[in-house]
Structure formats: C-alpha cells, structure tokens
Amino acid sequence: MPIRPIVITGNPVLHTRAQEVTEFNQELRDLVSDMFETMDEAPGVGLAAPQVGVGLRVFVYDWDAEDGTPQRGVVINPTLELSETPTGEADWESESEGCLSVPGERFPLRRAERAVLQGVDLEQNPVHIEAEGWFARIFQHEFDHLDGTLYVDRLAEPHKSDVAGIIKERGWGVPDQSWLPGQDKLEG
C-alpha cells in the first residue's frame, strides 16, 4: 500500500472533529494499511486518520513497552478515560512531545499519567487497553487529533508563542500543505 502525505497544521481536517466510522470495508482496511506504512516511514509512534487527510475516528500506534513487548494496533471509534492531569510546568526532558503534523518540533506538555482506551479493531472486535506513561501519552495525543486538537494547541506560554512563531516562519497554518515521509526533507 502507498505511503500517504501527512498534512501540516492549518489544514482544516486537522482542526475539525473526525466522523465516526460506520463502514468497515476494504476502503477502511486500505486506509489502515496505508497509515501503518506511513507511520513507519515517517517514523512515528502514532498516526491519526486526519493526519493523512481523512476525517475519520481511526488511529494506529506502535510502541515498545518498557519490558520490550511491542504494542502495535489500530483503534476505531475510540473513547478515552484519563487520570487527573498533573498541574505545574511541564518538564522539557520527560514531557516533550512532537507531532508529524508539526514536523521537526518538540515542546513540553503535561498529560495524564494513565489512560483507558476503548474502541474496536478492523474486525469490530472490542479493544480495551490500560496504559501508563508514554503509552498513555501516545493515546492522548492521537485521540486529540480525532477531536481536531493538535498538541501545540494545548501548550502553555511561552511555548504557545514559540510554536506560533515557528508556524508563521515556516509558512504553515494554511490549508493544503503536506509532506511525504521518505521523500521530503524537513526543517527542524
């Protein structure tokens, strides 16, 4: 399956709540296959359908647990329950995250330490995952994409202003910009 272009902040699909998946067909299977290939080539640990220009509530993830166990899958029409998000300033070293739709940048962001993800897979089998730490962070980040929120939208000052300057400097923040993993060289 082909690698798909990843849309950059400013594309309306990234800033709009994605629609529930209602048809579990070959088109959805192809989308998910393309998303895995695109995520792997980028490389990333997660990718939501809106990031490849498709406004559906689907995301894929690939994370190795602390014990080395691979965690790779797809979640369709997810719900997410979170523990309380800590207050205070986010730590640059332990809480910085990036996003393939704001390529090459990383900023610190407070997230809940624990998350319970539920949804279905491609065969409409239930998915139930209890995650902690970075695995929980991945789920929160990808789930936000499905609600039209980028992690940079959640940043505190001065990071919010810093990223706004970067977006302006790079000419992002407008529709129809994307990059193709494996082909495009990105700044950052």
C-alpha atoms as a PDB file:
ATOM      1  CA  MET A   1       0.000   0.000   0.000  1.00  0.00           C
ATOM      2  CA  PRO A   2       1.208   3.537  -0.606  1.00  0.00           C
ATOM      3  CA  ILE A   3       2.696   5.970   1.856  1.00  0.00           C
ATOM      4  CA  ARG A   4       0.329   8.915   2.172  1.00  0.00           C
ATOM      5  CA  PRO A   5       1.232  12.587   2.531  1.00  0.00           C
ATOM      6  CA  ILE A   6       0.955  13.890   6.094  1.00  0.00           C
ATOM      7  CA  VAL A   7      -0.942  17.173   6.302  1.00  0.00           C
ATOM      8  CA  ILE A   8       0.582  20.077   8.224  1.00  0.00           C
ATOM      9  CA  THR A   9      -1.103  22.296  10.789  1.00  0.00           C
ATOM     10  CA  GLY A  10      -3.537  24.675   9.124  1.00  0.00           C
ATOM     11  CA  ASN A  11      -5.292  22.013   7.065  1.00  0.00           C
ATOM     12  CA  PRO A  12      -8.982  22.103   8.079  1.00  0.00           C
ATOM     13  CA  VAL A  13      -9.143  18.307   8.567  1.00  0.00           C
ATOM     14  CA  LEU A  14      -6.680  18.673  11.468  1.00  0.00           C
ATOM     15  CA  HIS A  15      -8.854  21.263  13.184  1.00  0.00           C
ATOM     16  CA  THR A  16     -12.242  19.550  12.797  1.00  0.00           C
ATOM     17  CA  ARG A  17     -13.759  16.715  14.844  1.00  0.00           C
ATOM     18  CA  ALA A  18     -13.472  13.494  12.838  1.00  0.00           C
ATOM     19  CA  GLN A  19     -16.569  11.462  11.984  1.00  0.00           C
ATOM     20  CA  GLU A  20     -17.403   8.054  13.440  1.00  0.00           C
ATOM     21  CA  VAL A  21     -16.546   5.099  11.216  1.00  0.00           C
ATOM     22  CA  THR A  22     -19.767   3.459  10.011  1.00  0.00           C
ATOM     23  CA  GLU A  23     -18.488   1.244   7.181  1.00  0.00           C
ATOM     24  CA  PHE A  24     -15.967  -1.494   7.898  1.00  0.00           C
ATOM     25  CA  ASN A  25     -14.984  -2.258   4.327  1.00  0.00           C
ATOM     26  CA  GLN A  26     -11.948  -2.651   2.065  1.00  0.00           C
ATOM     27  CA  GLU A  27     -11.539   1.120   1.835  1.00  0.00           C
ATOM     28  CA  LEU A  28     -11.091   1.249   5.629  1.00  0.00           C
ATOM     29  CA  ARG A  29      -8.648  -1.693   5.523  1.00  0.00           C
ATOM     30  CA  ASP A  30      -6.615   0.084   2.830  1.00  0.00           C
ATOM     31  CA  LEU A  31      -6.605   3.309   4.871  1.00  0.00           C
ATOM     32  CA  VAL A  32      -5.317   1.500   7.971  1.00  0.00           C
ATOM     33  CA  SER A  33      -2.662  -0.362   5.982  1.00  0.00           C
ATOM     34  CA  ASP A  34      -1.504   2.920   4.421  1.00  0.00           C
ATOM     35  CA  MET A  35      -1.466   4.573   7.843  1.00  0.00           C
ATOM     36  CA  PHE A  36       0.810   1.876   9.295  1.00  0.00           C
ATOM     37  CA  GLU A  37       3.169   2.195   6.344  1.00  0.00           C
ATOM     38  CA  THR A  38       3.156   5.996   6.554  1.00  0.00           C
ATOM     39  CA  MET A  39       3.739   5.977  10.341  1.00  0.00           C
ATOM     40  CA  ASP A  40       6.635   3.533   9.969  1.00  0.00           C
ATOM     41  CA  GLU A  41       8.285   5.570   7.202  1.00  0.00           C
ATOM     42  CA  ALA A  42       7.860   8.934   8.995  1.00  0.00           C
ATOM     43  CA  PRO A  43       8.869   7.469  11.588  1.00  0.00           C
ATOM     44  CA  GLY A  44       6.304   7.928  14.329  1.00  0.00           C
ATOM     45  CA  VAL A  45       4.723   6.096  17.252  1.00  0.00           C
ATOM     46  CA  GLY A  46       1.167   7.004  16.269  1.00  0.00           C
ATOM     47  CA  LEU A  47      -0.817   8.385  13.363  1.00  0.00           C
ATOM     48  CA  ALA A  48      -4.443   9.503  13.197  1.00  0.00           C
ATOM     49  CA  ALA A  49      -6.543   9.405  10.029  1.00  0.00           C
ATOM     50  CA  PRO A  50      -6.949  13.220   9.952  1.00  0.00           C
ATOM     51  CA  GLN A  51      -3.155  13.483   9.639  1.00  0.00           C
ATOM     52  CA  VAL A  52      -3.393  11.791   6.238  1.00  0.00           C
ATOM     53  CA  GLY A  53      -6.340  13.976   5.259  1.00  0.00           C
ATOM     54  CA  VAL A  54      -9.146  11.563   6.201  1.00  0.00           C
ATOM     55  CA  GLY A  55     -11.688  12.843   8.714  1.00  0.00           C
ATOM     56  CA  LEU A  56     -12.489   9.501  10.369  1.00  0.00           C
ATOM     57  CA  ARG A  57     -12.091   8.408  14.003  1.00  0.00           C
ATOM     58  CA  VAL A  58      -9.215   5.977  13.430  1.00  0.00           C
ATOM     59  CA  PHE A  59      -5.652   5.885  14.701  1.00  0.00           C
ATOM     60  CA  VAL A  60      -2.741   3.467  14.603  1.00  0.00           C
ATOM     61  CA  TYR A  61       0.089   3.160  17.110  1.00  0.00           C
ATOM     62  CA  ASP A  62       3.409   1.375  17.525  1.00  0.00           C
ATOM     63  CA  TRP A  63       5.202   1.452  20.873  1.00  0.00           C
ATOM     64  CA  ASP A  64       7.578  -0.892  22.650  1.00  0.00           C
ATOM     65  CA  ALA A  65       6.651  -1.328  26.297  1.00  0.00           C
ATOM     66  CA  GLU A  66       9.317  -0.906  28.964  1.00  0.00           C
ATOM     67  CA  ASP A  67       9.784  -4.701  29.011  1.00  0.00           C
ATOM     68  CA  GLY A  68      10.372  -4.637  25.231  1.00  0.00           C
ATOM     69  CA  THR A  69       6.961  -6.054  24.326  1.00  0.00           C
ATOM     70  CA  PRO A  70       5.739  -4.462  21.077  1.00  0.00           C
ATOM     71  CA  GLN A  71       2.394  -2.693  21.276  1.00  0.00           C
ATOM     72  CA  ARG A  72       1.069  -2.169  17.748  1.00  0.00           C
ATOM     73  CA  GLY A  73      -2.505  -1.784  16.676  1.00  0.00           C
ATOM     74  CA  VAL A  74      -5.416   0.184  15.346  1.00  0.00           C
ATOM     75  CA  VAL A  75      -8.336   1.675  17.265  1.00  0.00           C
ATOM     76  CA  ILE A  76     -11.545   2.735  15.570  1.00  0.00           C
ATOM     77  CA  ASN A  77     -14.198   4.973  17.158  1.00  0.00           C
ATOM     78  CA  PRO A  78     -12.250   5.188  20.425  1.00  0.00           C
ATOM     79  CA  THR A  79     -13.199   6.538  23.817  1.00  0.00           C
ATOM     80  CA  LEU A  80     -10.554   7.584  26.314  1.00  0.00           C
ATOM     81  CA  GLU A  81     -10.738   7.824  30.095  1.00  0.00           C
ATOM     82  CA  LEU A  82      -7.902   9.674  31.818  1.00  0.00           C
ATOM     83  CA  SER A  83      -6.481  10.039  35.280  1.00  0.00           C
ATOM     84  CA  GLU A  84      -6.061  13.582  36.547  1.00  0.00           C
ATOM     85  CA  THR A  85      -3.510  15.675  34.657  1.00  0.00           C
ATOM     86  CA  PRO A  86      -0.790  16.990  36.967  1.00  0.00           C
ATOM     87  CA  THR A  87      -0.544  20.734  37.433  1.00  0.00           C
ATOM     88  CA  GLY A  88       2.550  22.861  37.157  1.00  0.00           C
ATOM     89  CA  GLU A  89       5.147  23.424  34.488  1.00  0.00           C
ATOM     90  CA  ALA A  90       5.888  20.575  32.048  1.00  0.00           C
ATOM     91  CA  ASP A  91       9.409  19.143  32.062  1.00  0.00           C
ATOM     92  CA  TRP A  92      11.431  19.533  28.828  1.00  0.00           C
ATOM     93  CA  GLU A  93      13.212  16.200  29.193  1.00  0.00           C
ATOM     94  CA  SER A  94      10.446  13.884  30.332  1.00  0.00           C
ATOM     95  CA  GLU A  95       7.307  15.522  28.893  1.00  0.00           C
ATOM     96  CA  SER A  96       8.258  16.856  25.461  1.00  0.00           C
ATOM     97  CA  GLU A  97       6.347  15.502  22.516  1.00  0.00           C
ATOM     98  CA  GLY A  98       6.304  16.077  18.800  1.00  0.00           C
ATOM     99  CA  CYS A  99       3.790  15.691  16.028  1.00  0.00           C
ATOM    100  CA  LEU A 100       4.086  14.609  12.417  1.00  0.00           C
ATOM    101  CA  SER A 101       1.699  17.466  11.511  1.00  0.00           C
ATOM    102  CA  VAL A 102       4.062  19.999  13.112  1.00  0.00           C
ATOM    103  CA  PRO A 103       7.172  18.270  11.780  1.00  0.00           C
ATOM    104  CA  GLY A 104      10.557  18.634  13.396  1.00  0.00           C
ATOM    105  CA  GLU A 105       9.370  20.401  16.557  1.00  0.00           C
ATOM    106  CA  ARG A 106       9.082  19.246  20.171  1.00  0.00           C
ATOM    107  CA  PHE A 107       7.608  21.041  23.167  1.00  0.00           C
ATOM    108  CA  PRO A 108       6.786  20.019  26.750  1.00  0.00           C
ATOM    109  CA  LEU A 109       3.162  19.312  27.620  1.00  0.00           C
ATOM    110  CA  ARG A 110       1.526  17.958  30.769  1.00  0.00           C
ATOM    111  CA  ARG A 111      -0.591  14.848  30.164  1.00  0.00           C
ATOM    112  CA  ALA A 112      -2.433  12.386  32.368  1.00  0.00           C
ATOM    113  CA  GLU A 113      -0.219   9.547  33.592  1.00  0.00           C
ATOM    114  CA  ARG A 114      -2.874   6.862  32.973  1.00  0.00           C
ATOM    115  CA  ALA A 115      -5.413   6.270  30.226  1.00  0.00           C
ATOM    116  CA  VAL A 116      -8.012   3.625  29.425  1.00  0.00           C
ATOM    117  CA  LEU A 117      -8.612   3.313  25.688  1.00  0.00           C
ATOM    118  CA  GLN A 118     -11.647   1.529  24.283  1.00  0.00           C
ATOM    119  CA  GLY A 119     -12.913   1.095  20.746  1.00  0.00           C
ATOM    120  CA  VAL A 120     -12.896  -1.594  18.073  1.00  0.00           C
ATOM    121  CA  ASP A 121     -10.397  -3.034  15.605  1.00  0.00           C
ATOM    122  CA  LEU A 122     -10.865  -3.682  11.875  1.00  0.00           C
ATOM    123  CA  GLU A 123     -12.929  -6.806  12.584  1.00  0.00           C
ATOM    124  CA  GLN A 124     -15.085  -4.782  15.014  1.00  0.00           C
ATOM    125  CA  ASN A 125     -13.667  -6.744  17.952  1.00  0.00           C
ATOM    126  CA  PRO A 126     -13.522  -4.759  21.194  1.00  0.00           C
ATOM    127  CA  VAL A 127     -10.252  -3.058  22.088  1.00  0.00           C
ATOM    128  CA  HIS A 128      -9.559  -2.290  25.748  1.00  0.00           C
ATOM    129  CA  ILE A 129      -6.096  -1.074  26.750  1.00  0.00           C
ATOM    130  CA  GLU A 130      -4.979   0.332  30.087  1.00  0.00           C
ATOM    131  CA  ALA A 131      -1.863   2.417  29.531  1.00  0.00           C
ATOM    132  CA  GLU A 132       0.572   4.381  31.657  1.00  0.00           C
ATOM    133  CA  GLY A 133       3.386   6.814  30.994  1.00  0.00           C
ATOM    134  CA  TRP A 134       4.402   7.305  27.355  1.00  0.00           C
ATOM    135  CA  PHE A 135       1.914   4.734  26.097  1.00  0.00           C
ATOM    136  CA  ALA A 136      -0.883   6.754  27.747  1.00  0.00           C
ATOM    137  CA  ARG A 137       0.626   9.931  26.245  1.00  0.00           C
ATOM    138  CA  ILE A 138       0.504   8.419  22.743  1.00  0.00           C
ATOM    139  CA  PHE A 139      -3.187   7.596  23.157  1.00  0.00           C
ATOM    140  CA  GLN A 140      -3.985  11.108  24.401  1.00  0.00           C
ATOM    141  CA  HIS A 141      -2.067  12.702  21.527  1.00  0.00           C
ATOM    142  CA  GLU A 142      -3.765  10.588  18.835  1.00  0.00           C
ATOM    143  CA  PHE A 143      -7.211  10.883  20.435  1.00  0.00           C
ATOM    144  CA  ASP A 144      -6.805  14.677  20.410  1.00  0.00           C
ATOM    145  CA  HIS A 145      -6.273  14.508  16.639  1.00  0.00           C
ATOM    146  CA  LEU A 146      -9.685  12.873  16.294  1.00  0.00           C
ATOM    147  CA  ASP A 147     -11.234  15.828  18.118  1.00  0.00           C
ATOM    148  CA  GLY A 148      -9.460  18.408  15.925  1.00  0.00           C
ATOM    149  CA  THR A 149      -6.831  19.341  18.517  1.00  0.00           C
ATOM    150  CA  LEU A 150      -3.066  19.357  17.990  1.00  0.00           C
ATOM    151  CA  TYR A 151      -0.708  19.106  20.939  1.00  0.00           C
ATOM    152  CA  VAL A 152       0.548  22.615  20.127  1.00  0.00           C
ATOM    153  CA  ASP A 153      -2.997  23.890  20.778  1.00  0.00           C
ATOM    154  CA  ARG A 154      -2.596  22.737  24.395  1.00  0.00           C
ATOM    155  CA  LEU A 155       0.808  24.301  25.087  1.00  0.00           C
ATOM    156  CA  ALA A 156       1.319  26.771  27.907  1.00  0.00           C
ATOM    157  CA  GLU A 157       3.240  30.020  27.485  1.00  0.00           C
ATOM    158  CA  PRO A 158       5.938  30.731  26.449  1.00  0.00           C
ATOM    159  CA  HIS A 159       5.826  27.570  24.303  1.00  0.00           C
ATOM    160  CA  LYS A 160       2.492  28.504  22.711  1.00  0.00           C
ATOM    161  CA  SER A 161       4.006  31.756  21.404  1.00  0.00           C
ATOM    162  CA  ASP A 162       7.213  29.990  20.357  1.00  0.00           C
ATOM    163  CA  VAL A 163       5.348  27.480  18.203  1.00  0.00           C
ATOM    164  CA  ALA A 164       3.130  30.205  16.737  1.00  0.00           C
ATOM    165  CA  GLY A 165       6.301  31.968  15.580  1.00  0.00           C
ATOM    166  CA  ILE A 166       7.679  28.761  14.066  1.00  0.00           C
ATOM    167  CA  ILE A 167       4.409  28.091  12.223  1.00  0.00           C
ATOM    168  CA  LYS A 168       4.424  31.629  10.813  1.00  0.00           C
ATOM    169  CA  GLU A 169       8.136  31.482   9.894  1.00  0.00           C
ATOM    170  CA  ARG A 170       7.696  28.200   8.011  1.00  0.00           C
ATOM    171  CA  GLY A 171       4.575  29.365   6.184  1.00  0.00           C
ATOM    172  CA  TRP A 172       2.400  26.736   7.847  1.00  0.00           C
ATOM    173  CA  GLY A 173      -1.043  27.375   9.275  1.00  0.00           C
ATOM    174  CA  VAL A 174      -2.747  27.464   5.873  1.00  0.00           C
ATOM    175  CA  PRO A 175      -4.651  24.721   4.008  1.00  0.00           C
ATOM    176  CA  ASP A 176      -3.143  22.281   1.532  1.00  0.00           C
ATOM    177  CA  GLN A 177       0.342  21.838   2.971  1.00  0.00           C
ATOM    178  CA  SER A 178       1.767  18.379   3.493  1.00  0.00           C
ATOM    179  CA  TRP A 179       4.982  16.353   3.457  1.00  0.00           C
ATOM    180  CA  LEU A 180       5.676  12.844   2.221  1.00  0.00           C
ATOM    181  CA  PRO A 181       7.670  10.550   4.524  1.00  0.00           C
ATOM    182  CA  GLY A 182      10.670   9.051   2.771  1.00  0.00           C
ATOM    183  CA  GLN A 183      10.816  11.824   0.170  1.00  0.00           C
ATOM    184  CA  ASP A 184      10.605  15.254   1.773  1.00  0.00           C
ATOM    185  CA  LYS A 185      13.427  16.700   3.852  1.00  0.00           C
ATOM    186  CA  LEU A 186      12.010  18.727   6.717  1.00  0.00           C
ATOM    187  CA  GLU A 187      13.378  21.592   8.729  1.00  0.00           C
ATOM    188  CA  GLY A 188      13.763  21.292  12.484  1.00  0.00           C
END
